[in-house]
N, C-alpha and C. Protein backbone atom coordinates (compact mmCIF):
# COMPACT_ATOMS: atom_id res chain seq x y z
N GLU A 1 -7.73 -180.30 91.84
CA GLU A 1 -7.28 -180.99 90.56
C GLU A 1 -8.94 -181.46 89.99
N ALA A 2 -9.91 -181.44 91.07
CA ALA A 2 -11.24 -182.05 90.54
C ALA A 2 -11.74 -180.79 89.41
N ARG A 3 -11.52 -179.42 89.47
CA ARG A 3 -11.85 -178.56 88.64
C ARG A 3 -13.23 -178.28 89.02
N SER A 4 -14.00 -178.50 90.24
CA SER A 4 -15.42 -178.24 90.61
C SER A 4 -15.86 -177.13 91.24
N MET A 5 -15.03 -176.52 91.44
CA MET A 5 -15.02 -175.00 91.64
C MET A 5 -15.83 -174.05 91.12
N GLU A 6 -16.91 -173.48 91.55
CA GLU A 6 -17.82 -172.32 90.69
C GLU A 6 -17.49 -171.22 91.11
N LEU A 7 -17.33 -170.40 90.10
CA LEU A 7 -16.93 -169.03 90.40
C LEU A 7 -18.37 -168.31 90.63
N GLU A 8 -18.49 -167.07 91.56
CA GLU A 8 -19.55 -166.46 91.79
C GLU A 8 -19.23 -165.08 90.60
N SER A 9 -20.40 -164.68 90.25
CA SER A 9 -20.78 -163.64 89.38
C SER A 9 -21.81 -162.36 90.23
N GLU A 10 -20.95 -161.44 91.17
CA GLU A 10 -21.63 -160.20 91.67
C GLU A 10 -20.92 -159.04 91.40
N PRO A 11 -21.41 -157.82 91.32
CA PRO A 11 -20.86 -156.56 91.16
C PRO A 11 -19.98 -156.27 92.74
N PHE A 12 -18.82 -155.90 92.08
CA PHE A 12 -18.14 -155.16 93.51
C PHE A 12 -17.17 -154.30 92.69
N SER A 13 -16.34 -153.20 93.97
CA SER A 13 -15.64 -152.31 93.71
C SER A 13 -14.36 -152.29 93.19
N LEU A 14 -13.92 -152.43 91.92
CA LEU A 14 -12.61 -152.80 92.00
C LEU A 14 -11.54 -152.16 92.81
N GLN A 15 -11.35 -150.97 92.90
CA GLN A 15 -10.54 -150.28 93.90
C GLN A 15 -10.65 -150.41 95.16
N LYS A 16 -11.74 -150.81 95.70
CA LYS A 16 -11.68 -150.92 97.07
C LYS A 16 -11.43 -152.22 97.61
N SER A 17 -11.48 -153.39 96.62
CA SER A 17 -10.83 -154.46 96.51
C SER A 17 -9.36 -154.66 97.03
N ILE A 18 -8.72 -153.97 95.65
CA ILE A 18 -7.04 -154.13 95.78
C ILE A 18 -6.64 -153.20 97.10
N LEU A 19 -7.34 -151.85 97.11
CA LEU A 19 -6.84 -150.97 98.38
C LEU A 19 -6.86 -151.96 99.66
N GLN A 20 -7.83 -152.41 100.02
CA GLN A 20 -8.17 -153.02 101.20
C GLN A 20 -6.99 -154.53 101.07
N THR A 21 -7.11 -155.06 99.98
CA THR A 21 -6.10 -156.06 100.19
C THR A 21 -4.93 -155.67 100.49
N VAL A 22 -4.37 -154.80 99.70
CA VAL A 22 -2.91 -153.89 100.06
C VAL A 22 -2.77 -153.54 101.68
N GLU A 23 -3.75 -152.47 101.90
CA GLU A 23 -3.69 -152.42 103.45
C GLU A 23 -3.58 -153.80 104.26
N LEU A 24 -4.13 -154.87 104.04
CA LEU A 24 -3.78 -156.06 104.96
C LEU A 24 -2.50 -156.64 105.35
N PHE A 25 -1.52 -156.20 104.45
CA PHE A 25 -0.51 -156.67 104.27
C PHE A 25 0.65 -155.22 105.00
N ILE A 26 0.43 -154.24 104.70
CA ILE A 26 1.23 -153.24 104.90
C ILE A 26 1.78 -153.50 106.56
N GLY A 27 1.22 -153.87 107.33
CA GLY A 27 1.96 -154.33 108.69
C GLY A 27 2.99 -155.33 108.48
N MET A 28 2.35 -156.52 107.98
CA MET A 28 3.32 -157.17 107.70
C MET A 28 4.69 -156.99 107.13
N ALA A 29 5.04 -156.37 106.20
CA ALA A 29 5.39 -155.91 105.44
C ALA A 29 6.62 -154.39 106.22
N SER A 30 5.88 -153.76 106.92
CA SER A 30 6.63 -153.20 107.66
C SER A 30 7.73 -153.61 108.69
N LYS A 31 6.81 -154.78 109.25
CA LYS A 31 7.57 -155.48 110.47
C LYS A 31 9.12 -156.02 109.97
N ARG A 32 9.06 -156.27 108.37
CA ARG A 32 10.27 -156.81 107.69
C ARG A 32 11.20 -155.77 107.29
N GLY A 33 10.67 -154.25 107.48
CA GLY A 33 11.66 -153.71 106.92
C GLY A 33 11.11 -153.23 105.41
N ILE A 34 10.01 -153.49 105.01
CA ILE A 34 9.62 -153.35 103.79
C ILE A 34 8.90 -152.58 103.40
N VAL A 35 9.29 -151.36 101.95
CA VAL A 35 7.86 -150.60 101.63
C VAL A 35 7.08 -150.75 100.36
N LEU A 36 5.92 -151.29 101.38
CA LEU A 36 4.72 -151.83 99.69
C LEU A 36 4.07 -151.01 99.64
N SER A 37 3.80 -150.68 98.43
CA SER A 37 2.68 -149.03 98.18
C SER A 37 2.22 -149.76 96.75
N ALA A 38 1.18 -148.90 96.53
CA ALA A 38 0.41 -149.47 95.33
C ALA A 38 -0.05 -148.19 94.22
N ASP A 39 0.06 -148.21 93.28
CA ASP A 39 -0.36 -147.53 91.95
C ASP A 39 -1.33 -148.03 91.28
N ILE A 40 -3.05 -147.21 91.49
CA ILE A 40 -3.89 -147.68 90.90
C ILE A 40 -4.26 -146.62 90.00
N ASP A 41 -4.21 -147.09 88.78
CA ASP A 41 -5.09 -146.31 87.68
C ASP A 41 -6.27 -146.04 87.70
N PRO A 42 -6.51 -144.40 88.10
CA PRO A 42 -7.79 -143.88 88.35
C PRO A 42 -8.94 -143.92 87.20
N ASN A 43 -8.41 -144.69 86.08
CA ASN A 43 -9.38 -145.12 85.12
C ASN A 43 -9.85 -146.21 85.09
N LEU A 44 -9.62 -147.13 86.25
CA LEU A 44 -10.05 -148.17 86.18
C LEU A 44 -11.67 -148.21 86.32
N PRO A 45 -12.70 -149.00 86.00
CA PRO A 45 -13.96 -148.88 86.25
C PRO A 45 -14.33 -149.01 87.54
N ARG A 46 -15.17 -148.09 88.14
CA ARG A 46 -15.84 -148.25 89.69
C ARG A 46 -16.44 -149.44 90.27
N PHE A 47 -17.03 -150.20 89.41
CA PHE A 47 -17.55 -151.52 89.63
C PHE A 47 -17.59 -152.23 88.04
N VAL A 48 -17.13 -153.66 88.58
CA VAL A 48 -17.25 -154.35 87.85
C VAL A 48 -18.00 -155.92 88.31
N GLU A 49 -18.26 -156.70 87.23
CA GLU A 49 -18.90 -158.13 88.15
C GLU A 49 -18.06 -159.49 88.07
N GLY A 50 -18.00 -159.85 88.87
CA GLY A 50 -17.03 -161.52 88.96
C GLY A 50 -17.02 -161.91 90.17
N ASP A 51 -15.91 -162.97 90.78
CA ASP A 51 -15.86 -163.40 91.66
C ASP A 51 -14.80 -162.69 92.59
N GLU A 52 -15.58 -161.23 93.24
CA GLU A 52 -14.56 -160.59 94.50
C GLU A 52 -13.33 -161.48 95.11
N GLY A 53 -14.10 -162.60 95.88
CA GLY A 53 -13.40 -163.51 96.62
C GLY A 53 -12.39 -164.06 96.13
N ARG A 54 -12.54 -164.62 94.97
CA ARG A 54 -11.65 -165.31 94.41
C ARG A 54 -10.51 -164.38 93.70
N PHE A 55 -10.54 -163.15 93.23
CA PHE A 55 -10.07 -162.25 92.75
C PHE A 55 -9.05 -161.30 93.99
N ILE A 56 -9.42 -161.69 95.20
CA ILE A 56 -8.98 -161.12 96.35
C ILE A 56 -7.80 -162.36 96.51
N GLN A 57 -8.13 -163.57 96.39
CA GLN A 57 -7.23 -164.36 96.99
C GLN A 57 -6.15 -164.84 96.13
N VAL A 58 -6.09 -164.49 94.97
CA VAL A 58 -5.14 -164.15 93.84
C VAL A 58 -4.42 -162.85 94.13
N LEU A 59 -4.74 -161.83 94.66
CA LEU A 59 -4.06 -161.02 94.98
C LEU A 59 -3.37 -160.89 96.57
N ARG A 60 -3.88 -161.89 97.40
CA ARG A 60 -3.23 -161.99 98.62
C ARG A 60 -2.22 -163.00 98.38
N ASN A 61 -2.36 -164.18 97.72
CA ASN A 61 -1.22 -164.88 97.37
C ASN A 61 0.09 -164.19 96.48
N LEU A 62 0.12 -163.75 95.86
CA LEU A 62 1.01 -162.75 95.18
C LEU A 62 1.68 -161.50 95.99
N LEU A 63 1.05 -160.93 96.91
CA LEU A 63 1.63 -160.21 97.76
C LEU A 63 2.19 -161.15 98.85
N GLY A 64 1.23 -161.84 99.58
CA GLY A 64 2.16 -162.96 100.68
C GLY A 64 3.35 -163.69 100.16
N ASN A 65 3.29 -164.19 99.18
CA ASN A 65 4.78 -164.28 98.37
C ASN A 65 5.96 -163.26 98.26
N ALA A 66 5.26 -162.19 97.59
CA ALA A 66 6.45 -161.05 97.61
C ALA A 66 7.15 -160.40 98.74
N ILE A 67 6.19 -160.35 99.83
CA ILE A 67 6.94 -160.26 101.23
C ILE A 67 7.52 -161.71 101.49
N LYS A 68 6.96 -162.57 101.61
CA LYS A 68 7.69 -163.62 102.18
C LYS A 68 9.16 -163.74 101.86
N PHE A 69 9.15 -163.81 100.07
CA PHE A 69 10.61 -163.77 99.63
C PHE A 69 11.59 -162.63 99.45
N THR A 70 11.26 -161.49 100.03
CA THR A 70 11.58 -160.28 99.83
C THR A 70 12.30 -160.04 101.68
N ASP A 71 13.68 -159.72 101.70
CA ASP A 71 14.23 -159.63 102.84
C ASP A 71 14.36 -158.04 103.28
N GLU A 72 14.53 -157.04 101.99
CA GLU A 72 15.16 -155.94 101.89
C GLU A 72 14.25 -155.17 100.95
N GLY A 73 14.38 -153.66 101.03
CA GLY A 73 13.81 -152.82 99.72
C GLY A 73 12.18 -152.92 99.57
N SER A 74 11.99 -153.18 98.92
CA SER A 74 10.34 -152.93 98.47
C SER A 74 9.47 -153.47 97.83
N ILE A 75 8.53 -153.47 97.96
CA ILE A 75 7.12 -154.08 96.88
C ILE A 75 5.82 -153.21 96.65
N TYR A 76 5.68 -153.15 94.77
CA TYR A 76 4.85 -151.94 94.90
C TYR A 76 3.74 -152.98 93.69
N LEU A 77 2.24 -152.69 93.58
CA LEU A 77 1.33 -153.25 93.08
C LEU A 77 0.79 -152.04 92.29
N THR A 78 0.71 -152.38 90.99
CA THR A 78 0.26 -151.18 89.82
C THR A 78 -0.91 -152.16 89.21
N ALA A 79 -2.25 -151.44 89.43
CA ALA A 79 -3.19 -151.88 88.55
C ALA A 79 -3.62 -150.76 87.63
N MET A 80 -4.25 -151.16 86.55
CA MET A 80 -4.25 -150.76 85.45
C MET A 80 -5.21 -151.10 84.32
N VAL A 81 -5.47 -150.45 83.14
CA VAL A 81 -6.33 -151.06 82.24
C VAL A 81 -5.47 -151.49 81.46
N GLU A 82 -5.36 -152.34 80.71
CA GLU A 82 -4.55 -152.70 79.25
C GLU A 82 -5.38 -153.58 78.05
N GLU A 83 -5.47 -152.85 76.71
CA GLU A 83 -6.21 -153.14 75.97
C GLU A 83 -7.58 -153.98 76.51
N LYS A 84 -8.42 -153.22 77.37
CA LYS A 84 -9.69 -153.40 77.64
C LYS A 84 -9.65 -154.62 78.78
N GLN A 85 -8.55 -155.01 79.26
CA GLN A 85 -8.28 -155.92 80.36
C GLN A 85 -7.59 -155.37 81.74
N LEU A 86 -7.75 -155.75 82.49
CA LEU A 86 -7.40 -155.78 83.92
C LEU A 86 -6.50 -156.11 83.92
N MET A 87 -4.99 -155.24 83.93
CA MET A 87 -3.62 -155.69 84.50
C MET A 87 -3.11 -155.41 85.68
N ILE A 88 -2.40 -156.48 86.42
CA ILE A 88 -2.43 -156.34 87.94
C ILE A 88 -0.89 -156.51 88.17
N SER A 89 0.06 -155.88 88.60
CA SER A 89 1.46 -156.83 88.95
C SER A 89 2.16 -155.98 90.17
N VAL A 90 2.77 -157.40 90.69
CA VAL A 90 3.03 -157.26 91.72
C VAL A 90 4.92 -157.63 91.74
N HIS A 91 5.57 -156.38 91.88
CA HIS A 91 6.83 -156.16 91.60
C HIS A 91 7.65 -156.39 93.46
N ASP A 92 8.65 -156.84 93.38
CA ASP A 92 9.51 -157.18 94.68
C ASP A 92 10.75 -156.96 94.57
N THR A 93 11.60 -156.66 95.46
CA THR A 93 13.39 -156.38 95.23
C THR A 93 13.77 -157.89 96.05
N GLY A 94 12.61 -159.14 96.01
CA GLY A 94 13.73 -160.14 96.60
C GLY A 94 14.28 -161.02 96.21
N ILE A 95 14.45 -162.32 96.42
CA ILE A 95 15.64 -163.25 96.11
C ILE A 95 15.72 -163.52 94.86
N GLY A 96 14.01 -163.44 94.11
CA GLY A 96 14.21 -163.73 92.64
C GLY A 96 14.26 -165.33 92.45
N VAL A 97 13.83 -165.79 91.22
CA VAL A 97 13.80 -166.81 90.70
C VAL A 97 14.50 -167.58 89.59
N PRO A 98 15.64 -168.67 89.72
CA PRO A 98 16.26 -168.94 88.65
C PRO A 98 15.72 -168.95 87.38
N GLU A 99 16.50 -168.80 86.21
CA GLU A 99 15.93 -168.87 85.12
C GLU A 99 15.27 -170.31 84.67
N GLU A 100 16.02 -171.31 85.18
CA GLU A 100 15.56 -172.59 84.78
C GLU A 100 14.34 -173.16 85.38
N GLN A 101 14.05 -172.30 86.43
CA GLN A 101 12.93 -172.56 87.49
C GLN A 101 11.71 -172.03 87.29
N ILE A 102 12.01 -171.02 86.30
CA ILE A 102 10.62 -169.69 86.19
C ILE A 102 9.39 -170.92 85.37
N GLU A 103 9.78 -171.72 84.08
CA GLU A 103 8.72 -172.32 83.51
C GLU A 103 8.04 -173.59 84.45
N HIS A 104 8.45 -173.75 85.50
CA HIS A 104 7.81 -174.55 86.52
C HIS A 104 7.10 -173.98 87.75
N ILE A 105 7.44 -172.51 87.86
CA ILE A 105 6.68 -172.02 88.80
C ILE A 105 5.30 -172.33 89.67
N PHE A 106 4.64 -172.32 88.18
CA PHE A 106 3.29 -172.32 89.12
C PHE A 106 2.74 -173.72 89.17
N GLY A 107 3.85 -174.59 89.25
CA GLY A 107 3.46 -176.17 88.98
C GLY A 107 3.07 -176.25 90.66
N LYS A 108 2.95 -177.34 90.71
CA LYS A 108 2.46 -177.85 92.16
C LYS A 108 3.58 -178.11 93.18
N PHE A 109 3.59 -177.85 94.33
CA PHE A 109 4.75 -177.98 95.27
C PHE A 109 6.11 -177.74 94.84
N THR A 110 5.76 -176.65 93.73
CA THR A 110 7.18 -175.99 93.66
C THR A 110 7.51 -174.70 94.00
N GLN A 111 8.90 -174.25 94.41
CA GLN A 111 9.40 -173.38 94.94
C GLN A 111 10.64 -173.28 93.76
N GLY A 112 11.37 -172.28 94.51
CA GLY A 112 12.61 -171.81 93.34
C GLY A 112 13.61 -173.07 93.78
N ASN A 113 13.57 -173.34 94.88
CA ASN A 113 14.71 -174.56 95.26
C ASN A 113 14.31 -175.02 96.63
N ASN A 114 14.95 -176.19 96.81
CA ASN A 114 14.91 -176.96 98.01
C ASN A 114 15.39 -175.76 99.28
N THR A 115 16.26 -175.06 99.04
CA THR A 115 17.00 -174.07 99.98
C THR A 115 15.92 -172.83 100.11
N SER A 116 14.99 -172.53 99.40
CA SER A 116 13.58 -171.35 99.77
C SER A 116 12.95 -172.65 100.33
N THR A 117 12.68 -173.53 100.14
CA THR A 117 11.44 -174.53 101.01
C THR A 117 11.87 -174.15 102.55
N ARG A 118 13.53 -174.79 102.60
CA ARG A 118 13.58 -174.77 103.87
C ARG A 118 13.68 -173.65 104.59
N GLN A 119 14.22 -172.21 104.06
CA GLN A 119 14.24 -171.20 104.67
C GLN A 119 12.72 -170.31 104.63
N TYR A 120 12.37 -170.57 103.83
CA TYR A 120 11.10 -169.85 103.64
C TYR A 120 9.78 -170.24 104.19
N GLY A 121 9.53 -171.71 104.06
CA GLY A 121 8.06 -172.51 104.53
C GLY A 121 7.47 -172.44 103.45
N GLY A 122 6.52 -172.87 103.59
CA GLY A 122 4.98 -172.80 102.60
C GLY A 122 4.92 -174.43 101.92
N THR A 123 3.84 -174.43 101.08
CA THR A 123 3.52 -175.47 100.63
C THR A 123 3.95 -175.28 99.22
N GLY A 124 4.16 -174.35 98.22
CA GLY A 124 4.44 -174.28 96.94
C GLY A 124 3.01 -174.66 95.99
N LEU A 125 1.89 -174.46 96.73
CA LEU A 125 0.86 -174.58 96.13
C LEU A 125 -0.37 -173.28 95.86
N GLY A 126 0.26 -172.13 96.35
CA GLY A 126 -0.57 -170.83 96.27
C GLY A 126 -0.32 -170.60 94.57
N LEU A 127 0.94 -170.55 93.92
CA LEU A 127 0.98 -170.08 92.91
C LEU A 127 0.43 -170.88 91.56
N THR A 128 0.21 -172.48 92.21
CA THR A 128 -0.58 -173.07 91.26
C THR A 128 -2.23 -172.60 91.60
N ILE A 129 -2.39 -172.26 92.60
CA ILE A 129 -3.96 -171.86 92.99
C ILE A 129 -4.08 -171.20 92.26
N SER A 130 -3.16 -169.76 92.27
CA SER A 130 -3.34 -168.73 91.40
C SER A 130 -3.61 -168.54 90.27
N LYS A 131 -2.73 -169.48 89.32
CA LYS A 131 -2.93 -169.98 88.08
C LYS A 131 -4.36 -170.51 87.68
N GLN A 132 -5.00 -171.15 88.53
CA GLN A 132 -5.86 -172.20 88.19
C GLN A 132 -6.79 -170.91 88.39
N LEU A 133 -7.49 -170.21 89.60
CA LEU A 133 -8.13 -169.08 89.71
C LEU A 133 -8.31 -168.18 88.70
N VAL A 134 -7.07 -167.89 87.97
CA VAL A 134 -6.72 -166.72 87.14
C VAL A 134 -7.66 -167.02 85.70
N GLU A 135 -7.16 -168.55 85.56
CA GLU A 135 -7.44 -168.88 84.12
C GLU A 135 -8.85 -169.31 84.03
N MET A 136 -9.68 -169.96 85.01
CA MET A 136 -11.01 -169.70 85.36
C MET A 136 -11.93 -168.46 84.94
N MET A 137 -11.21 -167.29 85.58
CA MET A 137 -11.52 -166.17 84.98
C MET A 137 -11.61 -165.64 83.61
N GLY A 138 -10.94 -166.41 83.15
CA GLY A 138 -10.64 -166.04 81.54
C GLY A 138 -9.17 -165.38 81.59
N GLY A 139 -8.44 -165.46 82.54
CA GLY A 139 -7.02 -164.40 82.38
C GLY A 139 -5.98 -165.35 82.34
N LYS A 140 -4.76 -164.55 82.58
CA LYS A 140 -3.28 -165.34 82.34
C LYS A 140 -2.75 -164.57 83.18
N ILE A 141 -1.27 -165.54 83.77
CA ILE A 141 -0.69 -164.75 84.71
C ILE A 141 0.53 -165.46 84.06
N GLY A 142 1.54 -164.76 85.04
CA GLY A 142 2.96 -164.96 84.73
C GLY A 142 4.40 -164.11 85.27
N VAL A 143 5.29 -164.58 84.86
CA VAL A 143 6.27 -163.83 86.08
C VAL A 143 7.78 -163.50 85.46
N LYS A 144 8.28 -162.15 85.68
CA LYS A 144 9.60 -161.86 85.01
C LYS A 144 10.38 -161.91 86.40
N SER A 145 11.46 -162.58 86.38
CA SER A 145 12.54 -162.62 87.41
C SER A 145 13.85 -162.58 87.35
N GLU A 146 14.73 -162.28 88.08
CA GLU A 146 16.11 -162.26 88.12
C GLU A 146 16.76 -162.25 89.78
N VAL A 147 17.65 -163.61 89.35
CA VAL A 147 18.08 -163.69 90.83
C VAL A 147 18.74 -162.78 91.79
N LYS A 148 18.29 -162.64 92.59
CA LYS A 148 19.05 -161.57 93.49
C LYS A 148 18.98 -160.24 93.17
N LYS A 149 17.95 -159.96 92.20
CA LYS A 149 17.23 -158.42 91.92
C LYS A 149 15.56 -158.39 92.28
N GLY A 150 15.21 -159.61 92.18
CA GLY A 150 14.06 -159.27 92.27
C GLY A 150 12.71 -159.97 91.14
N SER A 151 11.46 -160.04 91.71
CA SER A 151 10.30 -160.69 90.61
C SER A 151 9.12 -159.19 90.22
N THR A 152 8.48 -159.81 89.00
CA THR A 152 7.18 -159.23 89.20
C THR A 152 6.41 -160.19 88.53
N PHE A 153 5.79 -160.47 89.35
CA PHE A 153 4.18 -161.36 89.12
C PHE A 153 3.47 -160.73 88.78
N TRP A 154 2.79 -160.82 87.57
CA TRP A 154 1.52 -160.64 86.36
C TRP A 154 0.71 -160.86 86.61
N PHE A 155 -0.88 -160.81 86.47
CA PHE A 155 -2.15 -161.60 86.07
C PHE A 155 -2.95 -160.32 85.06
N LYS A 156 -3.46 -160.77 84.41
CA LYS A 156 -4.39 -159.48 83.39
C LYS A 156 -5.92 -161.23 83.27
N MET A 157 -6.70 -159.93 83.02
CA MET A 157 -8.14 -160.61 83.18
C MET A 157 -9.11 -159.43 82.40
N PRO A 158 -9.98 -160.14 81.58
CA PRO A 158 -10.89 -159.12 80.67
C PRO A 158 -12.24 -158.62 82.13
N LEU A 159 -12.16 -157.62 81.83
CA LEU A 159 -13.18 -156.73 82.54
C LEU A 159 -14.50 -156.90 82.47
N LYS A 160 -15.76 -157.25 83.09
CA LYS A 160 -17.16 -157.00 82.86
C LYS A 160 -17.64 -155.82 83.74
N VAL A 161 -17.50 -154.76 83.18
CA VAL A 161 -18.18 -153.44 83.87
C VAL A 161 -19.55 -153.05 83.71
N ARG A 162 -19.93 -152.85 85.05
CA ARG A 162 -21.42 -152.77 85.43
C ARG A 162 -21.31 -151.01 85.67
N GLU A 163 -22.25 -150.64 84.16
CA GLU A 163 -22.76 -149.55 84.63
C GLU A 163 -23.83 -148.62 85.23
N ASP A 164 -24.48 -149.76 85.70
CA ASP A 164 -25.82 -149.58 86.45
C ASP A 164 -25.43 -149.03 87.75
N ILE A 165 -25.01 -147.90 88.20
CA ILE A 165 -24.65 -148.02 89.31
C ILE A 165 -25.90 -147.96 90.47
N ASP A 166 -26.67 -147.56 89.96
CA ASP A 166 -28.04 -147.01 91.24
C ASP A 166 -28.55 -148.19 91.78
N SER A 167 -28.64 -149.25 90.43
CA SER A 167 -29.09 -150.90 90.70
C SER A 167 -28.07 -151.37 91.79
N ILE A 168 -26.81 -151.43 91.65
CA ILE A 168 -25.74 -151.93 92.42
C ILE A 168 -25.67 -151.42 93.61
N LEU A 169 -26.53 -149.88 94.09
CA LEU A 169 -26.07 -149.21 95.34
C LEU A 169 -27.08 -150.02 96.16
N GLU A 170 -28.49 -150.39 95.30
CA GLU A 170 -29.39 -151.05 96.38
C GLU A 170 -28.78 -152.12 97.29
N ARG A 171 -27.66 -152.85 96.80
CA ARG A 171 -27.16 -154.25 97.60
C ARG A 171 -26.51 -153.37 98.81
N PHE A 172 -26.34 -152.13 98.84
CA PHE A 172 -25.57 -151.62 100.09
C PHE A 172 -26.35 -151.02 100.51
N VAL A 173 -27.81 -151.13 100.22
CA VAL A 173 -28.73 -149.96 101.13
C VAL A 173 -29.89 -151.32 101.86
N PRO A 174 -29.73 -151.38 103.47
CA PRO A 174 -30.54 -151.81 103.98
C PRO A 174 -31.98 -151.72 103.81
N SER A 175 -32.68 -153.20 103.10
CA SER A 175 -33.97 -153.17 102.72
C SER A 175 -34.88 -152.29 103.62
N SER A 176 -35.25 -152.26 105.30
CA SER A 176 -35.88 -151.21 105.64
C SER A 176 -35.77 -150.28 105.74
N LEU A 177 -34.56 -149.47 104.86
CA LEU A 177 -34.54 -147.79 104.92
C LEU A 177 -34.86 -147.49 103.10
N GLN A 178 -34.72 -148.50 102.49
CA GLN A 178 -35.01 -148.14 100.94
C GLN A 178 -36.13 -147.28 100.83
N ASN A 179 -37.01 -147.60 101.49
CA ASN A 179 -38.11 -146.51 101.16
C ASN A 179 -38.61 -145.42 102.25
N LYS A 180 -37.75 -145.58 102.74
CA LYS A 180 -37.73 -143.85 103.37
C LYS A 180 -37.36 -142.85 103.33
N LYS A 181 -36.47 -142.70 101.74
CA LYS A 181 -36.25 -141.38 100.98
C LYS A 181 -37.55 -140.57 100.61
N ASN A 182 -38.92 -141.54 100.26
CA ASN A 182 -39.72 -140.96 100.06
C ASN A 182 -40.94 -140.27 101.30
N SER A 183 -40.31 -140.83 102.30
CA SER A 183 -41.10 -140.81 103.85
C SER A 183 -40.82 -139.00 104.37
N ALA A 184 -42.18 -138.63 104.82
CA ALA A 184 -42.12 -137.12 105.41
C ALA A 184 -40.85 -137.10 106.60
N SER A 185 -41.07 -138.49 107.09
CA SER A 185 -40.20 -138.44 108.38
C SER A 185 -38.86 -138.16 108.44
N VAL A 186 -38.18 -138.31 107.18
CA VAL A 186 -37.03 -138.27 106.75
C VAL A 186 -36.30 -136.78 105.89
N SER A 187 -35.84 -135.85 106.98
CA SER A 187 -35.51 -134.52 106.63
C SER A 187 -34.09 -134.46 105.88
N THR A 188 -34.02 -133.64 104.79
CA THR A 188 -32.97 -134.08 103.77
C THR A 188 -32.45 -132.00 104.20
N ASN A 189 -32.73 -131.50 105.20
CA ASN A 189 -32.10 -130.50 105.48
C ASN A 189 -30.68 -130.30 106.38
N ALA A 190 -30.75 -131.98 106.70
CA ALA A 190 -29.14 -131.96 107.58
C ALA A 190 -28.01 -131.88 106.69
N ARG A 191 -26.88 -131.68 107.99
CA ARG A 191 -25.99 -131.17 107.13
C ARG A 191 -24.85 -132.28 107.56
N ILE A 192 -24.47 -132.89 106.90
CA ILE A 192 -23.65 -134.13 106.90
C ILE A 192 -22.32 -133.87 106.61
N LEU A 193 -21.52 -134.73 107.79
CA LEU A 193 -20.00 -134.38 107.29
C LEU A 193 -19.50 -136.13 107.24
N LEU A 194 -18.60 -136.47 106.15
CA LEU A 194 -18.85 -137.73 106.14
C LEU A 194 -17.24 -138.11 105.66
N THR A 195 -16.86 -138.64 106.93
CA THR A 195 -14.96 -138.76 106.55
C THR A 195 -14.68 -140.17 106.08
N GLU A 196 -14.01 -140.36 105.31
CA GLU A 196 -13.63 -141.92 104.79
C GLU A 196 -12.65 -141.31 103.98
N ASP A 197 -11.44 -142.25 104.18
CA ASP A 197 -10.39 -142.31 102.90
C ASP A 197 -10.11 -142.94 101.90
N HIS A 198 -10.95 -144.02 101.98
CA HIS A 198 -10.80 -145.14 100.27
C HIS A 198 -11.89 -143.79 99.21
N PRO A 199 -11.21 -143.90 98.17
CA PRO A 199 -11.88 -143.01 96.82
C PRO A 199 -13.28 -143.86 96.78
N ALA A 200 -12.94 -145.10 96.40
CA ALA A 200 -14.23 -145.71 95.92
C ALA A 200 -15.13 -145.98 97.29
N ASN A 201 -15.00 -145.88 98.62
CA ASN A 201 -15.90 -146.10 99.58
C ASN A 201 -16.45 -144.43 99.70
N GLN A 202 -16.14 -143.36 99.38
CA GLN A 202 -16.29 -142.00 98.86
C GLN A 202 -17.30 -142.15 98.25
N PHE A 203 -16.64 -142.46 97.19
CA PHE A 203 -18.33 -142.44 95.69
C PHE A 203 -19.18 -143.09 96.27
N LEU A 204 -19.14 -144.30 96.84
CA LEU A 204 -20.06 -145.07 96.91
C LEU A 204 -21.43 -144.67 98.20
N ALA A 205 -20.87 -143.96 99.64
CA ALA A 205 -21.46 -143.68 100.47
C ALA A 205 -22.27 -142.17 99.91
N LYS A 206 -21.60 -141.15 99.20
CA LYS A 206 -21.91 -140.44 98.53
C LYS A 206 -23.24 -140.64 97.48
N ARG A 207 -23.16 -141.31 96.76
CA ARG A 207 -24.00 -141.49 96.03
C ARG A 207 -25.32 -142.26 96.95
N ILE A 208 -25.16 -143.25 97.81
CA ILE A 208 -25.88 -143.49 98.77
C ILE A 208 -26.87 -142.14 99.55
N LEU A 209 -26.03 -140.97 100.04
CA LEU A 209 -26.54 -139.79 100.55
C LEU A 209 -27.46 -139.14 99.69
N HIS A 210 -26.95 -139.37 98.78
CA HIS A 210 -27.42 -138.73 97.24
C HIS A 210 -29.20 -139.31 96.89
N LYS A 211 -29.04 -140.70 97.08
CA LYS A 211 -30.11 -141.42 96.72
C LYS A 211 -31.21 -141.00 97.55
N PHE A 212 -31.03 -140.37 99.23
CA PHE A 212 -31.93 -140.64 100.19
C PHE A 212 -31.99 -138.96 99.86
N GLY A 213 -31.68 -138.15 99.29
CA GLY A 213 -32.21 -136.94 98.95
C GLY A 213 -31.43 -135.90 99.73
N PHE A 214 -30.15 -136.29 100.38
CA PHE A 214 -29.67 -135.22 100.68
C PHE A 214 -28.72 -134.44 99.84
């Protein structure tokens, strides 16, 4: 309510943030017998500038709600670039939101109805906070829903793309190592096997190794 929160502005890997957030909820979804998946546009920029922590907070709120209000079926997240903006959608096959409640769903202490509050718990603040954070980041958030068929919560925001990848990589290399690439004590003849399943992490690790001359 005070709106005194300040957003940070730092470069971060968009794909990595999304993938790691989805991974956090896979176990929770599996325990409920729900399939959780993600479809990420390969054309997403590798690095953007913004508040990674608040971006992840919104993702967590939407994914957490989707799992909470879905008893069976599936949840899938899509991330794409749409008209130069990042578009995130979280679709579930859950209980849905009554039409008369949709316009109030982002209000304080609001859930679909009192029965939902008793059955599923929660304070009804997650979506309110998400809306405020998205709007602070210059974006919009909304929902499409049908009772007993599911909901799609979405948000979009402008992308501030960072192209200066080499300067960003400096943040991930310890200062004690940054000058060793020109040292005779570092051999670049080594053969290195790198195992990493995240595409974003693969890219980052390869650029760091190349930066050292390997």
